[in-house]
Amino acid sequence: MKSLFNILKSKKNESSVMRGAHAALTLEEVDKIIAEIFGADAMNYIQAAYCKNGILGIRCQSSSSSLEVKMREQEILAKISEKINDNSLVKIKILP
């Protein structure tokens, strides 16, 4: 049986609603990955904000968390592509 994420992923380009649902599920998975990499407490300082046109926006509450995310950008993107089986995200943009 296919998961909801896989069903939506296969239909993500069919309508704007499906693209929005896919983006929301992707952000949820990114938050889980952030918690895996940085620990559960990091969710107080680091949170996925958006994904659009190959860019993942991550909101960071401090300059140290921004620096840590930027230093581990490739690791984060690799885990995302591995976990959701989608290579469309190629860059992370840090948001205040």
PDB file of N, CA and C in Angstrom:
ATOM      1  N   MET A   1       0.839  -1.181   0.000  1.00  0.00           N
ATOM      2  CA  MET A   1       0.000   0.000   0.000  1.00  0.00           C
ATOM      3  C   MET A   1       0.882   1.242   0.000  1.00  0.00           C
ATOM      4  N   LYS A   2       0.571   2.201  -0.853  1.00  0.00           N
ATOM      5  CA  LYS A   2       1.342   3.424  -0.958  1.00  0.00           C
ATOM      6  C   LYS A   2       1.011   4.369   0.196  1.00  0.00           C
ATOM      7  N   SER A   3       2.018   5.109   0.627  1.00  0.00           N
ATOM      8  CA  SER A   3       1.778   6.112   1.659  1.00  0.00           C
ATOM      9  C   SER A   3       1.155   7.355   1.024  1.00  0.00           C
ATOM     10  N   LEU A   4       0.565   8.184   1.850  1.00  0.00           N
ATOM     11  CA  LEU A   4      -0.045   9.426   1.360  1.00  0.00           C
ATOM     12  C   LEU A   4       1.013  10.282   0.680  1.00  0.00           C
ATOM     13  N   PHE A   5       2.207  10.324   1.250  1.00  0.00           N
ATOM     14  CA  PHE A   5       3.280  11.115   0.670  1.00  0.00           C
ATOM     15  C   PHE A   5       3.603  10.648  -0.746  1.00  0.00           C
ATOM     16  N   ASN A   6       3.703   9.330  -0.970  1.00  0.00           N
ATOM     17  CA  ASN A   6       4.022   8.805  -2.298  1.00  0.00           C
ATOM     18  C   ASN A   6       2.900   9.049  -3.299  1.00  0.00           C
ATOM     19  N   ILE A   7       1.658   8.956  -2.846  1.00  0.00           N
ATOM     20  CA  ILE A   7       0.524   9.231  -3.735  1.00  0.00           C
ATOM     21  C   ILE A   7       0.535  10.684  -4.169  1.00  0.00           C
ATOM     22  N   LEU A   8       0.718  11.596  -3.206  1.00  0.00           N
ATOM     23  CA  LEU A   8       0.741  13.021  -3.538  1.00  0.00           C
ATOM     24  C   LEU A   8       1.954  13.376  -4.390  1.00  0.00           C
ATOM     25  N   LYS A   9       3.084  12.724  -4.127  1.00  0.00           N
ATOM     26  CA  LYS A   9       4.288  12.988  -4.904  1.00  0.00           C
ATOM     27  C   LYS A   9       4.072  12.647  -6.374  1.00  0.00           C
ATOM     28  N   SER A  10       3.366  11.552  -6.640  1.00  0.00           N
ATOM     29  CA  SER A  10       3.140  11.150  -8.028  1.00  0.00           C
ATOM     30  C   SER A  10       2.172  12.082  -8.747  1.00  0.00           C
ATOM     31  N   LYS A  11       1.369  12.821  -7.996  1.00  0.00           N
ATOM     32  CA  LYS A  11       0.388  13.713  -8.606  1.00  0.00           C
ATOM     33  C   LYS A  11       0.680  15.184  -8.346  1.00  0.00           C
ATOM     34  N   LYS A  12       1.890  15.499  -7.883  1.00  0.00           N
ATOM     35  CA  LYS A  12       2.199  16.847  -7.422  1.00  0.00           C
ATOM     36  C   LYS A  12       2.091  17.927  -8.494  1.00  0.00           C
ATOM     37  N   ASN A  13       2.259  17.616  -9.737  1.00  0.00           N
ATOM     38  CA  ASN A  13       2.219  18.638 -10.780  1.00  0.00           C
ATOM     39  C   ASN A  13       0.850  18.761 -11.448  1.00  0.00           C
ATOM     40  N   GLU A  14      -0.133  18.038 -10.959  1.00  0.00           N
ATOM     41  CA  GLU A  14      -1.437  18.049 -11.600  1.00  0.00           C
ATOM     42  C   GLU A  14      -2.246  19.305 -11.292  1.00  0.00           C
ATOM     43  N   SER A  15      -2.096  19.872 -10.117  1.00  0.00           N
ATOM     44  CA  SER A  15      -2.829  21.092  -9.782  1.00  0.00           C
ATOM     45  C   SER A  15      -2.087  21.860  -8.706  1.00  0.00           C
ATOM     46  N   SER A  16      -2.489  23.116  -8.528  1.00  0.00           N
ATOM     47  CA  SER A  16      -1.833  23.930  -7.511  1.00  0.00           C
ATOM     48  C   SER A  16      -2.115  23.391  -6.112  1.00  0.00           C
ATOM     49  N   VAL A  17      -3.272  22.807  -5.900  1.00  0.00           N
ATOM     50  CA  VAL A  17      -3.598  22.220  -4.596  1.00  0.00           C
ATOM     51  C   VAL A  17      -2.668  21.051  -4.303  1.00  0.00           C
ATOM     52  N   MET A  18      -2.418  20.205  -5.301  1.00  0.00           N
ATOM     53  CA  MET A  18      -1.542  19.065  -5.105  1.00  0.00           C
ATOM     54  C   MET A  18      -0.094  19.519  -4.875  1.00  0.00           C
ATOM     55  N   ARG A  19       0.342  20.565  -5.582  1.00  0.00           N
ATOM     56  CA  ARG A  19       1.694  21.090  -5.362  1.00  0.00           C
ATOM     57  C   ARG A  19       1.823  21.633  -3.941  1.00  0.00           C
ATOM     58  N   GLY A  20       0.778  22.308  -3.469  1.00  0.00           N
ATOM     59  CA  GLY A  20       0.781  22.832  -2.106  1.00  0.00           C
ATOM     60  C   GLY A  20       0.811  21.724  -1.067  1.00  0.00           C
ATOM     61  N   ALA A  21       0.034  20.674  -1.296  1.00  0.00           N
ATOM     62  CA  ALA A  21       0.013  19.539  -0.371  1.00  0.00           C
ATOM     63  C   ALA A  21       1.376  18.847  -0.348  1.00  0.00           C
ATOM     64  N   HIS A  22       1.987  18.691  -1.511  1.00  0.00           N
ATOM     65  CA  HIS A  22       3.317  18.070  -1.580  1.00  0.00           C
ATOM     66  C   HIS A  22       4.339  18.927  -0.844  1.00  0.00           C
ATOM     67  N   ALA A  23       4.271  20.239  -1.016  1.00  0.00           N
ATOM     68  CA  ALA A  23       5.205  21.132  -0.327  1.00  0.00           C
ATOM     69  C   ALA A  23       5.025  21.041   1.187  1.00  0.00           C
ATOM     70  N   ALA A  24       3.786  20.986   1.647  1.00  0.00           N
ATOM     71  CA  ALA A  24       3.521  20.885   3.085  1.00  0.00           C
ATOM     72  C   ALA A  24       4.078  19.585   3.663  1.00  0.00           C
ATOM     73  N   LEU A  25       3.874  18.496   2.966  1.00  0.00           N
ATOM     74  CA  LEU A  25       4.408  17.214   3.429  1.00  0.00           C
ATOM     75  C   LEU A  25       5.938  17.201   3.393  1.00  0.00           C
ATOM     76  N   THR A  26       6.512  17.853   2.399  1.00  0.00           N
ATOM     77  CA  THR A  26       7.967  17.946   2.318  1.00  0.00           C
ATOM     78  C   THR A  26       8.508  18.722   3.510  1.00  0.00           C
ATOM     79  N   LEU A  27       7.868  19.842   3.855  1.00  0.00           N
ATOM     80  CA  LEU A  27       8.319  20.645   4.991  1.00  0.00           C
ATOM     81  C   LEU A  27       8.213  19.860   6.299  1.00  0.00           C
ATOM     82  N   GLU A  28       7.183  19.064   6.422  1.00  0.00           N
ATOM     83  CA  GLU A  28       7.033  18.230   7.609  1.00  0.00           C
ATOM     84  C   GLU A  28       8.191  17.234   7.716  1.00  0.00           C
ATOM     85  N   GLU A  29       8.555  16.630   6.602  1.00  0.00           N
ATOM     86  CA  GLU A  29       9.682  15.699   6.591  1.00  0.00           C
ATOM     87  C   GLU A  29      10.998  16.421   6.874  1.00  0.00           C
ATOM     88  N   VAL A  30      11.154  17.633   6.338  1.00  0.00           N
ATOM     89  CA  VAL A  30      12.370  18.409   6.581  1.00  0.00           C
ATOM     90  C   VAL A  30      12.509  18.715   8.071  1.00  0.00           C
ATOM     91  N   ASP A  31      11.419  19.073   8.725  1.00  0.00           N
ATOM     92  CA  ASP A  31      11.477  19.331  10.169  1.00  0.00           C
ATOM     93  C   ASP A  31      11.927  18.091  10.933  1.00  0.00           C
ATOM     94  N   LYS A  32      11.468  16.917  10.512  1.00  0.00           N
ATOM     95  CA  LYS A  32      11.905  15.669  11.151  1.00  0.00           C
ATOM     96  C   LYS A  32      13.398  15.445  10.938  1.00  0.00           C
ATOM     97  N   ILE A  33      13.877  15.742   9.740  1.00  0.00           N
ATOM     98  CA  ILE A  33      15.292  15.579   9.420  1.00  0.00           C
ATOM     99  C   ILE A  33      16.140  16.557  10.235  1.00  0.00           C
ATOM    100  N   ILE A  34      15.663  17.787  10.383  1.00  0.00           N
ATOM    101  CA  ILE A  34      16.370  18.777  11.198  1.00  0.00           C
ATOM    102  C   ILE A  34      16.485  18.281  12.638  1.00  0.00           C
ATOM    103  N   ALA A  35      15.396  17.713  13.152  1.00  0.00           N
ATOM    104  CA  ALA A  35      15.419  17.171  14.517  1.00  0.00           C
ATOM    105  C   ALA A  35      16.407  16.007  14.626  1.00  0.00           C
ATOM    106  N   GLU A  36      16.507  15.186  13.582  1.00  0.00           N
ATOM    107  CA  GLU A  36      17.469  14.073  13.578  1.00  0.00           C
ATOM    108  C   GLU A  36      18.907  14.585  13.602  1.00  0.00           C
ATOM    109  N   ILE A  37      19.184  15.593  12.797  1.00  0.00           N
ATOM    110  CA  ILE A  37      20.553  16.092  12.656  1.00  0.00           C
ATOM    111  C   ILE A  37      20.982  16.926  13.861  1.00  0.00           C
ATOM    112  N   PHE A  38      20.122  17.856  14.275  1.00  0.00           N
ATOM    113  CA  PHE A  38      20.498  18.817  15.308  1.00  0.00           C
ATOM    114  C   PHE A  38      19.939  18.498  16.692  1.00  0.00           C
ATOM    115  N   GLY A  39      19.048  17.525  16.789  1.00  0.00           N
ATOM    116  CA  GLY A  39      18.422  17.198  18.062  1.00  0.00           C
ATOM    117  C   GLY A  39      17.057  17.851  18.182  1.00  0.00           C
ATOM    118  N   ALA A  40      16.222  17.290  19.034  1.00  0.00           N
ATOM    119  CA  ALA A  40      14.835  17.755  19.171  1.00  0.00           C
ATOM    120  C   ALA A  40      14.757  19.204  19.653  1.00  0.00           C
ATOM    121  N   ASP A  41      15.709  19.636  20.475  1.00  0.00           N
ATOM    122  CA  ASP A  41      15.689  21.012  20.980  1.00  0.00           C
ATOM    123  C   ASP A  41      15.896  22.044  19.873  1.00  0.00           C
ATOM    124  N   ALA A  42      16.492  21.624  18.781  1.00  0.00           N
ATOM    125  CA  ALA A  42      16.755  22.545  17.672  1.00  0.00           C
ATOM    126  C   ALA A  42      15.471  23.069  17.046  1.00  0.00           C
ATOM    127  N   MET A  43      14.371  22.353  17.216  1.00  0.00           N
ATOM    128  CA  MET A  43      13.105  22.793  16.635  1.00  0.00           C
ATOM    129  C   MET A  43      12.644  24.123  17.232  1.00  0.00           C
ATOM    130  N   ASN A  44      13.203  24.512  18.377  1.00  0.00           N
ATOM    131  CA  ASN A  44      12.894  25.819  18.961  1.00  0.00           C
ATOM    132  C   ASN A  44      13.588  26.945  18.204  1.00  0.00           C
ATOM    133  N   TYR A  45      14.662  26.625  17.461  1.00  0.00           N
ATOM    134  CA  TYR A  45      15.481  27.636  16.799  1.00  0.00           C
ATOM    135  C   TYR A  45      15.536  27.502  15.287  1.00  0.00           C
ATOM    136  N   ILE A  46      15.265  26.310  14.778  1.00  0.00           N
ATOM    137  CA  ILE A  46      15.390  26.037  13.346  1.00  0.00           C
ATOM    138  C   ILE A  46      14.108  25.385  12.860  1.00  0.00           C
ATOM    139  N   GLN A  47      13.535  25.926  11.767  1.00  0.00           N
ATOM    140  CA  GLN A  47      12.294  25.344  11.248  1.00  0.00           C
ATOM    141  C   GLN A  47      12.191  25.599   9.745  1.00  0.00           C
ATOM    142  N   ALA A  48      11.746  24.579   9.030  1.00  0.00           N
ATOM    143  CA  ALA A  48      11.535  24.714   7.586  1.00  0.00           C
ATOM    144  C   ALA A  48      10.373  25.668   7.336  1.00  0.00           C
ATOM    145  N   ALA A  49      10.557  26.586   6.389  1.00  0.00           N
ATOM    146  CA  ALA A  49       9.538  27.595   6.115  1.00  0.00           C
ATOM    147  C   ALA A  49       8.849  27.395   4.764  1.00  0.00           C
ATOM    148  N   TYR A  50       9.634  27.098   3.723  1.00  0.00           N
ATOM    149  CA  TYR A  50       9.048  26.907   2.396  1.00  0.00           C
ATOM    150  C   TYR A  50       9.998  26.126   1.506  1.00  0.00           C
ATOM    151  N   CYS A  51       9.449  25.583   0.435  1.00  0.00           N
ATOM    152  CA  CYS A  51      10.270  25.000  -0.620  1.00  0.00           C
ATOM    153  C   CYS A  51       9.640  25.406  -1.948  1.00  0.00           C
ATOM    154  N   LYS A  52      10.458  26.024  -2.774  1.00  0.00           N
ATOM    155  CA  LYS A  52       9.958  26.525  -4.052  1.00  0.00           C
ATOM    156  C   LYS A  52      11.130  26.693  -5.012  1.00  0.00           C
ATOM    157  N   ASN A  53      10.952  26.250  -6.225  1.00  0.00           N
ATOM    158  CA  ASN A  53      11.956  26.403  -7.284  1.00  0.00           C
ATOM    159  C   ASN A  53      13.330  25.872  -6.882  1.00  0.00           C
ATOM    160  N   GLY A  54      13.349  24.742  -6.191  1.00  0.00           N
ATOM    161  CA  GLY A  54      14.603  24.113  -5.817  1.00  0.00           C
ATOM    162  C   GLY A  54      15.272  24.707  -4.597  1.00  0.00           C
ATOM    163  N   ILE A  55      14.618  25.675  -3.948  1.00  0.00           N
ATOM    164  CA  ILE A  55      15.187  26.329  -2.778  1.00  0.00           C
ATOM    165  C   ILE A  55      14.361  25.977  -1.552  1.00  0.00           C
ATOM    166  N   LEU A  56      15.055  25.572  -0.507  1.00  0.00           N
ATOM    167  CA  LEU A  56      14.426  25.284   0.767  1.00  0.00           C
ATOM    168  C   LEU A  56      14.705  26.451   1.700  1.00  0.00           C
ATOM    169  N   GLY A  57      13.659  27.115   2.143  1.00  0.00           N
ATOM    170  CA  GLY A  57      13.808  28.216   3.088  1.00  0.00           C
ATOM    171  C   GLY A  57      13.736  27.673   4.506  1.00  0.00           C
ATOM    172  N   ILE A  58      14.748  27.984   5.304  1.00  0.00           N
ATOM    173  CA  ILE A  58      14.780  27.552   6.694  1.00  0.00           C
ATOM    174  C   ILE A  58      14.889  28.782   7.580  1.00  0.00           C
ATOM    175  N   ARG A  59      13.962  28.884   8.514  1.00  0.00           N
ATOM    176  CA  ARG A  59      13.940  30.001   9.454  1.00  0.00           C
ATOM    177  C   ARG A  59      14.817  29.655  10.658  1.00  0.00           C
ATOM    178  N   CYS A  60      15.790  30.531  10.946  1.00  0.00           N
ATOM    179  CA  CYS A  60      16.703  30.339  12.075  1.00  0.00           C
ATOM    180  C   CYS A  60      16.560  31.522  13.024  1.00  0.00           C
ATOM    181  N   GLN A  61      16.451  31.231  14.315  1.00  0.00           N
ATOM    182  CA  GLN A  61      16.223  32.269  15.313  1.00  0.00           C
ATOM    183  C   GLN A  61      17.505  32.926  15.810  1.00  0.00           C
ATOM    184  N   SER A  62      18.652  32.341  15.521  1.00  0.00           N
ATOM    185  CA  SER A  62      19.908  32.937  15.985  1.00  0.00           C
ATOM    186  C   SER A  62      20.966  32.821  14.900  1.00  0.00           C
ATOM    187  N   SER A  63      21.981  33.659  15.029  1.00  0.00           N
ATOM    188  CA  SER A  63      23.058  33.623  14.034  1.00  0.00           C
ATOM    189  C   SER A  63      23.859  32.327  14.130  1.00  0.00           C
ATOM    190  N   SER A  64      23.977  31.777  15.339  1.00  0.00           N
ATOM    191  CA  SER A  64      24.724  30.525  15.471  1.00  0.00           C
ATOM    192  C   SER A  64      23.982  29.364  14.810  1.00  0.00           C
ATOM    193  N   SER A  65      22.659  29.338  14.930  1.00  0.00           N
ATOM    194  CA  SER A  65      21.895  28.282  14.262  1.00  0.00           C
ATOM    195  C   SER A  65      21.931  28.472  12.745  1.00  0.00           C
ATOM    196  N   SER A  66      21.923  29.716  12.289  1.00  0.00           N
ATOM    197  CA  SER A  66      22.032  29.993  10.848  1.00  0.00           C
ATOM    198  C   SER A  66      23.355  29.484  10.300  1.00  0.00           C
ATOM    199  N   LEU A  67      24.419  29.744  11.042  1.00  0.00           N
ATOM    200  CA  LEU A  67      25.743  29.307  10.623  1.00  0.00           C
ATOM    201  C   LEU A  67      25.842  27.785  10.599  1.00  0.00           C
ATOM    202  N   GLU A  68      25.291  27.142  11.597  1.00  0.00           N
ATOM    203  CA  GLU A  68      25.324  25.679  11.672  1.00  0.00           C
ATOM    204  C   GLU A  68      24.561  25.054  10.496  1.00  0.00           C
ATOM    205  N   VAL A  69      23.398  25.612  10.173  1.00  0.00           N
ATOM    206  CA  VAL A  69      22.612  25.099   9.033  1.00  0.00           C
ATOM    207  C   VAL A  69      23.395  25.288   7.742  1.00  0.00           C
ATOM    208  N   LYS A  70      23.987  26.454   7.559  1.00  0.00           N
ATOM    209  CA  LYS A  70      24.728  26.723   6.325  1.00  0.00           C
ATOM    210  C   LYS A  70      25.941  25.804   6.195  1.00  0.00           C
ATOM    211  N   MET A  71      26.619  25.542   7.322  1.00  0.00           N
ATOM    212  CA  MET A  71      27.784  24.661   7.282  1.00  0.00           C
ATOM    213  C   MET A  71      27.401  23.222   6.942  1.00  0.00           C
ATOM    214  N   ARG A  72      26.194  22.820   7.316  1.00  0.00           N
ATOM    215  CA  ARG A  72      25.766  21.439   7.079  1.00  0.00           C
ATOM    216  C   ARG A  72      24.733  21.341   5.953  1.00  0.00           C
ATOM    217  N   GLU A  73      24.710  22.349   5.086  1.00  0.00           N
ATOM    218  CA  GLU A  73      23.729  22.424   3.999  1.00  0.00           C
ATOM    219  C   GLU A  73      23.716  21.165   3.134  1.00  0.00           C
ATOM    220  N   GLN A  74      24.876  20.709   2.700  1.00  0.00           N
ATOM    221  CA  GLN A  74      24.932  19.545   1.814  1.00  0.00           C
ATOM    222  C   GLN A  74      24.445  18.288   2.518  1.00  0.00           C
ATOM    223  N   GLU A  75      24.774  18.142   3.786  1.00  0.00           N
ATOM    224  CA  GLU A  75      24.298  16.988   4.559  1.00  0.00           C
ATOM    225  C   GLU A  75      22.779  17.004   4.682  1.00  0.00           C
ATOM    226  N   ILE A  76      22.218  18.175   4.954  1.00  0.00           N
ATOM    227  CA  ILE A  76      20.764  18.316   5.092  1.00  0.00           C
ATOM    228  C   ILE A  76      20.082  17.978   3.771  1.00  0.00           C
ATOM    229  N   LEU A  77      20.577  18.549   2.675  1.00  0.00           N
ATOM    230  CA  LEU A  77      19.976  18.296   1.361  1.00  0.00           C
ATOM    231  C   LEU A  77      20.093  16.826   0.965  1.00  0.00           C
ATOM    232  N   ALA A  78      21.220  16.202   1.293  1.00  0.00           N
ATOM    233  CA  ALA A  78      21.401  14.783   0.968  1.00  0.00           C
ATOM    234  C   ALA A  78      20.401  13.919   1.733  1.00  0.00           C
ATOM    235  N   LYS A  79      20.196  14.224   3.015  1.00  0.00           N
ATOM    236  CA  LYS A  79      19.239  13.447   3.809  1.00  0.00           C
ATOM    237  C   LYS A  79      17.814  13.648   3.304  1.00  0.00           C
ATOM    238  N   ILE A  80      17.505  14.872   2.885  1.00  0.00           N
ATOM    239  CA  ILE A  80      16.167  15.147   2.352  1.00  0.00           C
ATOM    240  C   ILE A  80      15.934  14.332   1.092  1.00  0.00           C
ATOM    241  N   SER A  81      16.882  14.381   0.172  1.00  0.00           N
ATOM    242  CA  SER A  81      16.701  13.648  -1.088  1.00  0.00           C
ATOM    243  C   SER A  81      16.644  12.147  -0.850  1.00  0.00           C
ATOM    244  N   GLU A  82      17.390  11.666   0.140  1.00  0.00           N
ATOM    245  CA  GLU A  82      17.363  10.241   0.467  1.00  0.00           C
ATOM    246  C   GLU A  82      16.024   9.842   1.100  1.00  0.00           C
ATOM    247  N   LYS A  83      15.549  10.649   2.016  1.00  0.00           N
ATOM    248  CA  LYS A  83      14.347  10.301   2.764  1.00  0.00           C
ATOM    249  C   LYS A  83      13.072  10.406   1.921  1.00  0.00           C
ATOM    250  N   ILE A  84      12.950  11.484   1.132  1.00  0.00           N
ATOM    251  CA  ILE A  84      11.715  11.662   0.357  1.00  0.00           C
ATOM    252  C   ILE A  84      11.890  11.260  -1.106  1.00  0.00           C
ATOM    253  N   ASN A  85      13.101  10.801  -1.454  1.00  0.00           N
ATOM    254  CA  ASN A  85      13.373  10.321  -2.808  1.00  0.00           C
ATOM    255  C   ASN A  85      13.053  11.376  -3.857  1.00  0.00           C
ATOM    256  N   ASP A  86      13.528  12.593  -3.596  1.00  0.00           N
ATOM    257  CA  ASP A  86      13.268  13.718  -4.495  1.00  0.00           C
ATOM    258  C   ASP A  86      14.498  14.624  -4.484  1.00  0.00           C
ATOM    259  N   ASN A  87      15.096  14.836  -5.636  1.00  0.00           N
ATOM    260  CA  ASN A  87      16.305  15.651  -5.739  1.00  0.00           C
ATOM    261  C   ASN A  87      16.028  17.079  -6.184  1.00  0.00           C
ATOM    262  N   SER A  88      14.794  17.552  -6.031  1.00  0.00           N
ATOM    263  CA  SER A  88      14.449  18.871  -6.544  1.00  0.00           C
ATOM    264  C   SER A  88      14.987  20.015  -5.688  1.00  0.00           C
ATOM    265  N   LEU A  89      15.284  19.774  -4.423  1.00  0.00           N
ATOM    266  CA  LEU A  89      15.842  20.828  -3.566  1.00  0.00           C
ATOM    267  C   LEU A  89      17.352  20.824  -3.698  1.00  0.00           C
ATOM    268  N   VAL A  90      17.909  21.971  -4.115  1.00  0.00           N
ATOM    269  CA  VAL A  90      19.349  22.037  -4.378  1.00  0.00           C
ATOM    270  C   VAL A  90      20.058  23.102  -3.554  1.00  0.00           C
ATOM    271  N   LYS A  91      19.304  23.953  -2.846  1.00  0.00           N
ATOM    272  CA  LYS A  91      19.921  25.043  -2.104  1.00  0.00           C
ATOM    273  C   LYS A  91      19.083  25.368  -0.882  1.00  0.00           C
ATOM    274  N   ILE A  92      19.749  25.831   0.166  1.00  0.00           N
ATOM    275  CA  ILE A  92      19.045  26.269   1.371  1.00  0.00           C
ATOM    276  C   ILE A  92      19.218  27.777   1.509  1.00  0.00           C
ATOM    277  N   LYS A  93      18.112  28.450   1.754  1.00  0.00           N
ATOM    278  CA  LYS A  93      18.129  29.883   2.010  1.00  0.00           C
ATOM    279  C   LYS A  93      17.777  30.079   3.482  1.00  0.00           C
ATOM    280  N   ILE A  94      18.627  30.828   4.187  1.00  0.00           N
ATOM    281  CA  ILE A  94      18.410  31.089   5.605  1.00  0.00           C
ATOM    282  C   ILE A  94      17.514  32.317   5.740  1.00  0.00           C
ATOM    283  N   LEU A  95      16.477  32.175   6.538  1.00  0.00           N
ATOM    284  CA  LEU A  95      15.534  33.269   6.787  1.00  0.00           C
ATOM    285  C   LEU A  95      15.640  33.716   8.238  1.00  0.00           C
ATOM    286  N   PRO A  96      15.486  35.015   8.486  1.00  0.00           N
ATOM    287  CA  PRO A  96      15.541  35.513   9.872  1.00  0.00           C
ATOM    288  C   PRO A  96      14.297  35.177  10.658  1.00  0.00           C
TER     289      PRO A  96
END
